[in-house]
Amino acid sequence: MENNSLNVLILAAGLGTRLRPLTNDVPKPLVPVVDASILDLQAQKARAIGNIRLHANAHYLADQVVAAGGTLGFEKVWVELPDILGTAGPLKRIYNEGYRGGLLIMNGDAYCNFDLKAFVENAQALAAQPNGPQVALLAVDFPKVNTFRVGVDGRLAGVVGRFGSEEGQPATFSGVSWYSDEALSRIRDGEFDIREFWKQEIAAGRAPFVDMTQLHATWIDMGSPEGLMNAVEARLKELGRDVNEAVVEDGVQVPAGVTIKHSVIYDGAEILPGETIENEIRGRGFKWKV
């Protein structure tokens, strides 16, 4: 397939188990975060790169993701049924279908403010050098995780508990990565875990580059109630609004005398007249104190 555009794949196939029952009826990438879903927000950030083609994968409540992709102008939403293809499978699937131009991977459950254009341009420049790395991984400093070990050459030395060295600078994988067409061609058909591919690349002397230039950028895993609230606060701040304000989804009926502070109210939430709601996420059949 002739294509000079960078392909961008937003991973959106997860089950969203940590956010149930909120995700009983809506997939996690489509959960509203103030004014837009994470899928929409990630797509907006990707478009800032310039000439791109947007892709997503889908599994859980896939029809909703496909519909959202159509509305948001995605090139294609790749449905994975009956089984999820892991993290490596979707990459090789796009390559096998003939898409070229490199591939940027983003997560459909992470709120972030990375400079994606700078990351991609740096990755492409390094890959063009003799024996340059054909895979780039964007790192953040998140001490609670920090399972990456990065060598003095700036390349991935190992992942704690998985493979490789446990010596080197610690960091956390942000979920944002770039693969050249050459690298994608080497992912094995049927490969499931992308970490196995990284391991193979290291063994072959082609260790992925780890970009450490955005270690302290905003990066929030919104897959838990606490993470979702953090993402809401970050989005309010980005919009220039008060991070403590109430966010009430359109269509929610708020009875008279109700006070809502620093809370998120989704459709279907039960609200009693005169009630005070504070530091809470509430929706159909649940109330989470956060």
C-alpha atoms as a PDB file:
ATOM      1  CA  MET A   1       0.000   0.000   0.000  1.00  0.00           C
ATOM      2  CA  GLU A   2       1.589   3.261  -1.145  1.00  0.00           C
ATOM      3  CA  ASN A   3       1.581   5.590   1.836  1.00  0.00           C
ATOM      4  CA  ASN A   4       3.906   8.345   3.027  1.00  0.00           C
ATOM      5  CA  SER A   5       1.873   8.995   6.170  1.00  0.00           C
ATOM      6  CA  LEU A   6       2.873   7.898   9.634  1.00  0.00           C
ATOM      7  CA  ASN A   7       0.442   5.289  10.918  1.00  0.00           C
ATOM      8  CA  VAL A   8      -0.796   5.747  14.495  1.00  0.00           C
ATOM      9  CA  LEU A   9      -2.386   2.860  16.382  1.00  0.00           C
ATOM     10  CA  ILE A  10      -4.343   3.605  19.565  1.00  0.00           C
ATOM     11  CA  LEU A  11      -4.725   0.421  21.596  1.00  0.00           C
ATOM     12  CA  ALA A  12      -8.394   0.259  22.590  1.00  0.00           C
ATOM     13  CA  ALA A  13      -9.194  -3.429  22.993  1.00  0.00           C
ATOM     14  CA  GLY A  14      -8.939  -3.769  26.788  1.00  0.00           C
ATOM     15  CA  LEU A  15     -11.749  -5.068  29.000  1.00  0.00           C
ATOM     16  CA  GLY A  16     -11.730  -2.154  31.469  1.00  0.00           C
ATOM     17  CA  THR A  17     -12.252  -4.461  34.446  1.00  0.00           C
ATOM     18  CA  ARG A  18     -10.917  -1.976  37.027  1.00  0.00           C
ATOM     19  CA  LEU A  19     -13.577   0.543  36.057  1.00  0.00           C
ATOM     20  CA  ARG A  20     -16.590  -1.722  36.229  1.00  0.00           C
ATOM     21  CA  PRO A  21     -19.521  -1.193  36.500  1.00  0.00           C
ATOM     22  CA  LEU A  22     -18.817   2.103  34.676  1.00  0.00           C
ATOM     23  CA  THR A  23     -17.428   0.074  31.776  1.00  0.00           C
ATOM     24  CA  ASN A  24     -20.276  -2.426  31.712  1.00  0.00           C
ATOM     25  CA  ASP A  25     -21.934  -0.383  28.987  1.00  0.00           C
ATOM     26  CA  VAL A  26     -19.076   1.642  27.492  1.00  0.00           C
ATOM     27  CA  PRO A  27     -15.500   0.585  26.640  1.00  0.00           C
ATOM     28  CA  LYS A  28     -12.795   2.296  28.684  1.00  0.00           C
ATOM     29  CA  PRO A  29     -11.377   4.352  25.774  1.00  0.00           C
ATOM     30  CA  LEU A  30     -14.825   5.927  25.327  1.00  0.00           C
ATOM     31  CA  VAL A  31     -15.375   6.880  28.978  1.00  0.00           C
ATOM     32  CA  PRO A  32     -15.881  10.663  29.000  1.00  0.00           C
ATOM     33  CA  VAL A  33     -13.091  12.718  30.572  1.00  0.00           C
ATOM     34  CA  VAL A  34     -14.746  16.142  31.031  1.00  0.00           C
ATOM     35  CA  ASP A  35     -15.456  17.047  27.401  1.00  0.00           C
ATOM     36  CA  ALA A  36     -14.139  14.109  25.370  1.00  0.00           C
ATOM     37  CA  SER A  37     -13.195  10.451  25.537  1.00  0.00           C
ATOM     38  CA  ILE A  38      -9.587   9.348  25.903  1.00  0.00           C
ATOM     39  CA  LEU A  39      -9.796   7.935  22.362  1.00  0.00           C
ATOM     40  CA  ASP A  40     -10.757  11.389  21.109  1.00  0.00           C
ATOM     41  CA  LEU A  41      -8.094  13.148  23.193  1.00  0.00           C
ATOM     42  CA  GLN A  42      -5.373  10.742  22.039  1.00  0.00           C
ATOM     43  CA  ALA A  43      -6.466  11.237  18.447  1.00  0.00           C
ATOM     44  CA  GLN A  44      -6.234  15.014  18.879  1.00  0.00           C
ATOM     45  CA  LYS A  45      -2.696  14.723  20.235  1.00  0.00           C
ATOM     46  CA  ALA A  46      -1.680  12.379  17.415  1.00  0.00           C
ATOM     47  CA  ARG A  47      -2.970  14.789  14.766  1.00  0.00           C
ATOM     48  CA  ALA A  48      -0.602  17.442  16.111  1.00  0.00           C
ATOM     49  CA  ILE A  49       2.211  15.383  14.579  1.00  0.00           C
ATOM     50  CA  GLY A  50       1.032  16.271  11.090  1.00  0.00           C
ATOM     51  CA  ASN A  51       0.553  13.790   8.257  1.00  0.00           C
ATOM     52  CA  ILE A  52      -0.860  10.658   9.910  1.00  0.00           C
ATOM     53  CA  ARG A  53      -3.315   7.822   9.442  1.00  0.00           C
ATOM     54  CA  LEU A  54      -5.251   6.917  12.590  1.00  0.00           C
ATOM     55  CA  HIS A  55      -5.977   3.322  13.538  1.00  0.00           C
ATOM     56  CA  ALA A  56      -7.384   1.651  16.642  1.00  0.00           C
ATOM     57  CA  ASN A  57      -7.919  -1.940  17.667  1.00  0.00           C
ATOM     58  CA  ALA A  58     -11.086  -3.092  19.392  1.00  0.00           C
ATOM     59  CA  HIS A  59     -12.407  -6.158  21.177  1.00  0.00           C
ATOM     60  CA  TYR A  60     -14.644  -5.409  24.162  1.00  0.00           C
ATOM     61  CA  LEU A  61     -17.829  -3.626  23.015  1.00  0.00           C
ATOM     62  CA  ALA A  62     -16.080  -3.344  19.668  1.00  0.00           C
ATOM     63  CA  ASP A  63     -19.104  -1.917  17.823  1.00  0.00           C
ATOM     64  CA  GLN A  64     -18.906   1.233  19.940  1.00  0.00           C
ATOM     65  CA  VAL A  65     -15.211   1.707  19.188  1.00  0.00           C
ATOM     66  CA  VAL A  66     -15.825   1.154  15.473  1.00  0.00           C
ATOM     67  CA  ALA A  67     -18.598   3.767  15.506  1.00  0.00           C
ATOM     68  CA  ALA A  68     -16.428   6.247  17.411  1.00  0.00           C
ATOM     69  CA  GLY A  69     -13.567   5.667  14.999  1.00  0.00           C
ATOM     70  CA  GLY A  70     -15.839   6.523  12.108  1.00  0.00           C
ATOM     71  CA  THR A  71     -16.975   9.716  13.793  1.00  0.00           C
ATOM     72  CA  LEU A  72     -13.399  10.715  14.638  1.00  0.00           C
ATOM     73  CA  GLY A  73     -12.074  10.073  11.139  1.00  0.00           C
ATOM     74  CA  PHE A  74      -9.964   6.978  11.781  1.00  0.00           C
ATOM     75  CA  GLU A  75      -8.469   5.163   8.806  1.00  0.00           C
ATOM     76  CA  LYS A  76      -9.619   1.848  10.284  1.00  0.00           C
ATOM     77  CA  VAL A  77     -10.659   0.206  13.543  1.00  0.00           C
ATOM     78  CA  TRP A  78      -9.243  -3.326  13.598  1.00  0.00           C
ATOM     79  CA  VAL A  79     -11.664  -5.619  15.427  1.00  0.00           C
ATOM     80  CA  GLU A  80     -10.064  -8.545  17.255  1.00  0.00           C
ATOM     81  CA  LEU A  81     -12.505 -11.433  17.643  1.00  0.00           C
ATOM     82  CA  PRO A  82     -12.843 -13.947  19.136  1.00  0.00           C
ATOM     83  CA  ASP A  83      -9.538 -13.297  20.938  1.00  0.00           C
ATOM     84  CA  ILE A  84      -7.478 -10.202  21.751  1.00  0.00           C
ATOM     85  CA  LEU A  85      -4.184 -10.228  19.849  1.00  0.00           C
ATOM     86  CA  GLY A  86      -2.086  -8.848  22.709  1.00  0.00           C
ATOM     87  CA  THR A  87       0.257  -5.952  22.036  1.00  0.00           C
ATOM     88  CA  ALA A  88       2.392  -7.419  19.268  1.00  0.00           C
ATOM     89  CA  GLY A  89      -0.411  -8.928  17.196  1.00  0.00           C
ATOM     90  CA  PRO A  90      -2.100  -5.629  16.225  1.00  0.00           C
ATOM     91  CA  LEU A  91       1.225  -4.187  15.041  1.00  0.00           C
ATOM     92  CA  LYS A  92       2.007  -7.125  12.758  1.00  0.00           C
ATOM     93  CA  ARG A  93      -1.580  -7.185  11.493  1.00  0.00           C
ATOM     94  CA  ILE A  94      -1.310  -3.614  10.226  1.00  0.00           C
ATOM     95  CA  TYR A  95       2.062  -4.342   8.624  1.00  0.00           C
ATOM     96  CA  ASN A  96       0.761  -7.523   6.966  1.00  0.00           C
ATOM     97  CA  GLU A  97      -2.104  -5.525   5.455  1.00  0.00           C
ATOM     98  CA  GLY A  98       0.425  -3.407   3.594  1.00  0.00           C
ATOM     99  CA  TYR A  99       0.541  -0.191   5.605  1.00  0.00           C
ATOM    100  CA  ARG A 100       3.961   1.472   5.488  1.00  0.00           C
ATOM    101  CA  GLY A 101       5.459   4.679   6.835  1.00  0.00           C
ATOM    102  CA  GLY A 102       6.290   3.548  10.360  1.00  0.00           C
ATOM    103  CA  LEU A 103       3.911   3.043  13.255  1.00  0.00           C
ATOM    104  CA  LEU A 104       3.369   5.075  16.430  1.00  0.00           C
ATOM    105  CA  ILE A 105       1.625   3.230  19.269  1.00  0.00           C
ATOM    106  CA  MET A 106      -0.490   4.978  21.919  1.00  0.00           C
ATOM    107  CA  ASN A 107      -2.643   3.641  24.742  1.00  0.00           C
ATOM    108  CA  GLY A 108      -6.389   4.167  24.857  1.00  0.00           C
ATOM    109  CA  ASP A 109      -6.388   4.427  28.642  1.00  0.00           C
ATOM    110  CA  ALA A 110      -3.653   6.987  29.314  1.00  0.00           C
ATOM    111  CA  TYR A 111      -4.041  10.734  29.712  1.00  0.00           C
ATOM    112  CA  CYS A 112      -0.794  12.441  28.718  1.00  0.00           C
ATOM    113  CA  ASN A 113       0.707  15.645  27.329  1.00  0.00           C
ATOM    114  CA  PHE A 114       3.738  14.263  25.497  1.00  0.00           C
ATOM    115  CA  ASP A 115       5.352  16.090  22.598  1.00  0.00           C
ATOM    116  CA  LEU A 116       4.666  13.267  20.166  1.00  0.00           C
ATOM    117  CA  LYS A 117       6.045  15.126  17.160  1.00  0.00           C
ATOM    118  CA  ALA A 118       9.440  15.539  18.864  1.00  0.00           C
ATOM    119  CA  PHE A 119       9.434  11.876  19.931  1.00  0.00           C
ATOM    120  CA  VAL A 120       8.686  10.601  16.419  1.00  0.00           C
ATOM    121  CA  GLU A 121      11.168  12.916  14.700  1.00  0.00           C
ATOM    122  CA  ASN A 122      13.933  11.856  17.101  1.00  0.00           C
ATOM    123  CA  ALA A 123      13.091   8.176  16.620  1.00  0.00           C
ATOM    124  CA  GLN A 124      13.122   8.520  12.834  1.00  0.00           C
ATOM    125  CA  ALA A 125      16.436  10.374  12.871  1.00  0.00           C
ATOM    126  CA  LEU A 126      18.083   7.699  15.019  1.00  0.00           C
ATOM    127  CA  ALA A 127      16.693   4.907  12.862  1.00  0.00           C
ATOM    128  CA  ALA A 128      18.215   6.518   9.753  1.00  0.00           C
ATOM    129  CA  GLN A 129      21.734   6.290  11.190  1.00  0.00           C
ATOM    130  CA  PRO A 130      23.951   3.286  10.425  1.00  0.00           C
ATOM    131  CA  ASN A 131      22.894   0.469  12.783  1.00  0.00           C
ATOM    132  CA  GLY A 132      20.392   2.884  14.322  1.00  0.00           C
ATOM    133  CA  PRO A 133      17.612   1.550  16.566  1.00  0.00           C
ATOM    134  CA  GLN A 134      14.457   0.643  14.659  1.00  0.00           C
ATOM    135  CA  VAL A 135      12.260   0.763  17.771  1.00  0.00           C
ATOM    136  CA  ALA A 136      11.873   3.701  20.184  1.00  0.00           C
ATOM    137  CA  LEU A 137      10.105   3.539  23.546  1.00  0.00           C
ATOM    138  CA  LEU A 138       9.014   6.687  25.399  1.00  0.00           C
ATOM    139  CA  ALA A 139       9.771   6.530  29.124  1.00  0.00           C
ATOM    140  CA  VAL A 140       8.432   8.330  32.189  1.00  0.00           C
ATOM    141  CA  ASP A 141       9.682   8.383  35.765  1.00  0.00           C
ATOM    142  CA  PHE A 142       7.081   6.511  37.813  1.00  0.00           C
ATOM    143  CA  PRO A 143       8.884   5.000  40.822  1.00  0.00           C
ATOM    144  CA  LYS A 144       5.921   2.776  41.704  1.00  0.00           C
ATOM    145  CA  VAL A 145       6.652   0.826  38.501  1.00  0.00           C
ATOM    146  CA  ASN A 146      10.024   1.743  36.872  1.00  0.00           C
ATOM    147  CA  THR A 147      10.692  -1.775  35.554  1.00  0.00           C
ATOM    148  CA  PHE A 148      12.740  -0.569  32.563  1.00  0.00           C
ATOM    149  CA  ARG A 149      16.505  -0.635  32.824  1.00  0.00           C
ATOM    150  CA  VAL A 150      18.244   1.680  30.394  1.00  0.00           C
ATOM    151  CA  GLY A 151      21.902   1.325  29.511  1.00  0.00           C
ATOM    152  CA  VAL A 152      24.438   4.128  29.183  1.00  0.00           C
ATOM    153  CA  ASP A 153      23.939   3.911  25.406  1.00  0.00           C
ATOM    154  CA  GLY A 154      20.301   4.940  25.852  1.00  0.00           C
ATOM    155  CA  ARG A 155      19.010   1.546  24.807  1.00  0.00           C
ATOM    156  CA  LEU A 156      16.800  -0.904  26.635  1.00  0.00           C
ATOM    157  CA  ALA A 157      18.952  -3.231  28.744  1.00  0.00           C
ATOM    158  CA  GLY A 158      16.161  -5.210  30.399  1.00  0.00           C
ATOM    159  CA  VAL A 159      12.746  -5.336  31.995  1.00  0.00           C
ATOM    160  CA  VAL A 160      12.816  -6.299  35.670  1.00  0.00           C
ATOM    161  CA  GLY A 161      11.254  -9.706  36.236  1.00  0.00           C
ATOM    162  CA  ARG A 162      11.130 -10.460  32.511  1.00  0.00           C
ATOM    163  CA  PHE A 163      14.515 -10.448  30.804  1.00  0.00           C
ATOM    164  CA  GLY A 164      17.897  -8.796  30.495  1.00  0.00           C
ATOM    165  CA  SER A 165      19.971  -6.777  32.912  1.00  0.00           C
ATOM    166  CA  GLU A 166      18.678  -5.353  36.165  1.00  0.00           C
ATOM    167  CA  GLU A 167      21.441  -2.752  36.067  1.00  0.00           C
ATOM    168  CA  GLY A 168      20.947   0.663  34.500  1.00  0.00           C
ATOM    169  CA  GLN A 169      18.749   3.719  34.877  1.00  0.00           C
ATOM    170  CA  PRO A 170      15.213   2.825  36.004  1.00  0.00           C
ATOM    171  CA  ALA A 171      12.197   4.130  34.102  1.00  0.00           C
ATOM    172  CA  THR A 172       8.604   3.236  33.284  1.00  0.00           C
ATOM    173  CA  PHE A 173       7.279   2.529  29.798  1.00  0.00           C
ATOM    174  CA  SER A 174       4.629   5.123  28.946  1.00  0.00           C
ATOM    175  CA  GLY A 175       2.909   2.925  26.368  1.00  0.00           C
ATOM    176  CA  VAL A 176       4.026   5.267  23.581  1.00  0.00           C
ATOM    177  CA  SER A 177       6.391   3.675  21.080  1.00  0.00           C
ATOM    178  CA  TRP A 178       7.540   3.918  17.468  1.00  0.00           C
ATOM    179  CA  TYR A 179       8.448   1.096  15.069  1.00  0.00           C
ATOM    180  CA  SER A 180      10.049   1.360  11.661  1.00  0.00           C
ATOM    181  CA  ASP A 181       8.698  -0.787   8.850  1.00  0.00           C
ATOM    182  CA  GLU A 182      11.882  -2.845   9.118  1.00  0.00           C
ATOM    183  CA  ALA A 183      11.197  -3.605  12.776  1.00  0.00           C
ATOM    184  CA  LEU A 184       7.546  -4.460  12.111  1.00  0.00           C
ATOM    185  CA  SER A 185       8.612  -6.959   9.469  1.00  0.00           C
ATOM    186  CA  ARG A 186      10.544  -8.859  12.153  1.00  0.00           C
ATOM    187  CA  ILE A 187       7.613  -9.348  14.523  1.00  0.00           C
ATOM    188  CA  ARG A 188       6.641 -12.980  14.231  1.00  0.00           C
ATOM    189  CA  ASP A 189       3.187 -13.889  13.008  1.00  0.00           C
ATOM    190  CA  GLY A 190       1.241 -15.013  16.067  1.00  0.00           C
ATOM    191  CA  GLU A 191       3.439 -13.026  18.459  1.00  0.00           C
ATOM    192  CA  PHE A 192       1.387 -11.877  21.448  1.00  0.00           C
ATOM    193  CA  ASP A 193       3.619 -10.115  23.974  1.00  0.00           C
ATOM    194  CA  ILE A 194       5.598  -7.187  22.589  1.00  0.00           C
ATOM    195  CA  ARG A 195       8.145  -7.622  25.382  1.00  0.00           C
ATOM    196  CA  GLU A 196       9.177 -10.900  23.764  1.00  0.00           C
ATOM    197  CA  PHE A 197       9.937  -8.971  20.586  1.00  0.00           C
ATOM    198  CA  TRP A 198      12.037  -6.459  22.522  1.00  0.00           C
ATOM    199  CA  LYS A 199      13.907  -9.390  24.075  1.00  0.00           C
ATOM    200  CA  GLN A 200      14.582 -10.816  20.607  1.00  0.00           C
ATOM    201  CA  GLU A 201      15.808  -7.454  19.362  1.00  0.00           C
ATOM    202  CA  ILE A 202      18.235  -7.130  22.283  1.00  0.00           C
ATOM    203  CA  ALA A 203      19.538 -10.654  21.671  1.00  0.00           C
ATOM    204  CA  ALA A 204      20.135  -9.767  18.016  1.00  0.00           C
ATOM    205  CA  GLY A 205      22.077  -6.613  18.936  1.00  0.00           C
ATOM    206  CA  ARG A 206      19.229  -4.323  17.962  1.00  0.00           C
ATOM    207  CA  ALA A 207      18.070  -3.086  21.382  1.00  0.00           C
ATOM    208  CA  PRO A 208      15.238  -0.527  21.302  1.00  0.00           C
ATOM    209  CA  PHE A 209      16.101   3.075  22.062  1.00  0.00           C
ATOM    210  CA  VAL A 210      14.511   4.504  25.225  1.00  0.00           C
ATOM    211  CA  ASP A 211      13.638   8.185  24.929  1.00  0.00           C
ATOM    212  CA  MET A 212      14.203   9.765  28.358  1.00  0.00           C
ATOM    213  CA  THR A 213      13.589  13.389  27.347  1.00  0.00           C
ATOM    214  CA  GLN A 214      10.002  13.563  28.655  1.00  0.00           C
ATOM    215  CA  LEU A 215      10.362  11.725  31.967  1.00  0.00           C
ATOM    216  CA  HIS A 216       8.302  14.264  33.893  1.00  0.00           C
ATOM    217  CA  ALA A 217       5.525  14.967  31.399  1.00  0.00           C
ATOM    218  CA  THR A 218       1.944  14.374  32.500  1.00  0.00           C
ATOM    219  CA  TRP A 219       1.137  10.672  32.223  1.00  0.00           C
ATOM    220  CA  ILE A 220      -1.913   9.203  33.949  1.00  0.00           C
ATOM    221  CA  ASP A 221      -3.201   5.642  33.799  1.00  0.00           C
ATOM    222  CA  MET A 222      -6.964   6.263  33.896  1.00  0.00           C
ATOM    223  CA  GLY A 223      -7.813   2.575  34.249  1.00  0.00           C
ATOM    224  CA  SER A 224      -8.735   2.874  37.939  1.00  0.00           C
ATOM    225  CA  PRO A 225     -11.186   5.202  39.738  1.00  0.00           C
ATOM    226  CA  GLU A 226      -8.274   7.193  41.198  1.00  0.00           C
ATOM    227  CA  GLY A 227      -6.620   7.407  37.802  1.00  0.00           C
ATOM    228  CA  LEU A 228      -9.859   8.511  36.172  1.00  0.00           C
ATOM    229  CA  MET A 229     -10.253  11.325  38.705  1.00  0.00           C
ATOM    230  CA  ASN A 230      -6.641  12.361  38.135  1.00  0.00           C
ATOM    231  CA  ALA A 231      -7.299  12.442  34.401  1.00  0.00           C
ATOM    232  CA  VAL A 232     -10.404  14.584  34.924  1.00  0.00           C
ATOM    233  CA  GLU A 233      -8.393  17.034  37.038  1.00  0.00           C
ATOM    234  CA  ALA A 234      -5.653  17.176  34.401  1.00  0.00           C
ATOM    235  CA  ARG A 235      -8.175  17.810  31.647  1.00  0.00           C
ATOM    236  CA  LEU A 236      -9.880  20.574  33.646  1.00  0.00           C
ATOM    237  CA  LYS A 237      -6.492  22.198  34.181  1.00  0.00           C
ATOM    238  CA  GLU A 238      -5.683  21.891  30.480  1.00  0.00           C
ATOM    239  CA  LEU A 239      -8.979  23.614  29.683  1.00  0.00           C
ATOM    240  CA  GLY A 240      -8.204  26.432  32.143  1.00  0.00           C
ATOM    241  CA  ARG A 241     -10.954  25.421  34.535  1.00  0.00           C
ATOM    242  CA  ASP A 242     -11.034  24.801  38.295  1.00  0.00           C
ATOM    243  CA  VAL A 243      -9.757  21.278  39.039  1.00  0.00           C
ATOM    244  CA  ASN A 244     -12.236  21.043  41.930  1.00  0.00           C
ATOM    245  CA  GLU A 245     -15.329  21.792  39.898  1.00  0.00           C
ATOM    246  CA  ALA A 246     -18.155  19.286  39.445  1.00  0.00           C
ATOM    247  CA  VAL A 247     -18.239  17.467  36.114  1.00  0.00           C
ATOM    248  CA  VAL A 248     -21.769  16.323  35.312  1.00  0.00           C
ATOM    249  CA  GLU A 249     -22.404  14.346  32.127  1.00  0.00           C
ATOM    250  CA  ASP A 250     -25.043  15.716  29.778  1.00  0.00           C
ATOM    251  CA  GLY A 251     -28.448  14.247  30.489  1.00  0.00           C
ATOM    252  CA  VAL A 252     -27.945  13.745  34.227  1.00  0.00           C
ATOM    253  CA  GLN A 253     -30.897  15.067  36.211  1.00  0.00           C
ATOM    254  CA  VAL A 254     -29.725  16.918  39.329  1.00  0.00           C
ATOM    255  CA  PRO A 255     -32.541  17.410  41.898  1.00  0.00           C
ATOM    256  CA  ALA A 256     -33.075  20.698  43.684  1.00  0.00           C
ATOM    257  CA  GLY A 257     -30.824  21.539  46.590  1.00  0.00           C
ATOM    258  CA  VAL A 258     -27.982  19.238  45.551  1.00  0.00           C
ATOM    259  CA  THR A 259     -24.376  20.404  46.091  1.00  0.00           C
ATOM    260  CA  ILE A 260     -21.618  18.743  44.026  1.00  0.00           C
ATOM    261  CA  LYS A 261     -17.914  19.433  44.641  1.00  0.00           C
ATOM    262  CA  HIS A 262     -14.835  17.826  43.110  1.00  0.00           C
ATOM    263  CA  SER A 263     -16.873  14.956  41.695  1.00  0.00           C
ATOM    264  CA  VAL A 264     -17.762  13.318  38.399  1.00  0.00           C
ATOM    265  CA  ILE A 265     -21.362  12.296  37.772  1.00  0.00           C
ATOM    266  CA  TYR A 266     -22.137   9.946  34.883  1.00  0.00           C
ATOM    267  CA  ASP A 267     -25.459   9.115  33.286  1.00  0.00           C
ATOM    268  CA  GLY A 268     -27.631   6.834  35.395  1.00  0.00           C
ATOM    269  CA  ALA A 269     -26.311   8.040  38.748  1.00  0.00           C
ATOM    270  CA  GLU A 270     -28.800   8.113  41.595  1.00  0.00           C
ATOM    271  CA  ILE A 271     -28.893  11.539  43.244  1.00  0.00           C
ATOM    272  CA  LEU A 272     -31.143  12.353  46.185  1.00  0.00           C
ATOM    273  CA  PRO A 273     -32.724  15.797  46.689  1.00  0.00           C
ATOM    274  CA  GLY A 274     -30.631  17.992  48.976  1.00  0.00           C
ATOM    275  CA  GLU A 275     -27.658  15.643  48.853  1.00  0.00           C
ATOM    276  CA  THR A 276     -24.054  16.851  49.115  1.00  0.00           C
ATOM    277  CA  ILE A 277     -21.650  14.965  46.848  1.00  0.00           C
ATOM    278  CA  GLU A 278     -17.914  15.536  47.268  1.00  0.00           C
ATOM    279  CA  ASN A 279     -14.758  13.690  46.170  1.00  0.00           C
ATOM    280  CA  GLU A 280     -16.758  11.053  44.346  1.00  0.00           C
ATOM    281  CA  ILE A 281     -17.293   9.389  40.984  1.00  0.00           C
ATOM    282  CA  ARG A 282     -20.879   8.258  40.617  1.00  0.00           C
ATOM    283  CA  GLY A 283     -22.782   6.472  37.879  1.00  0.00           C
ATOM    284  CA  ARG A 284     -25.320   3.770  37.265  1.00  0.00           C
ATOM    285  CA  GLY A 285     -25.117   1.369  40.198  1.00  0.00           C
ATOM    286  CA  PHE A 286     -21.910   2.679  41.801  1.00  0.00           C
ATOM    287  CA  LYS A 287     -20.422   5.367  44.021  1.00  0.00           C
ATOM    288  CA  TRP A 288     -16.631   5.619  44.280  1.00  0.00           C
ATOM    289  CA  LYS A 289     -14.977   7.778  46.911  1.00  0.00           C
ATOM    290  CA  VAL A 290     -11.744   9.183  45.513  1.00  0.00           C
END
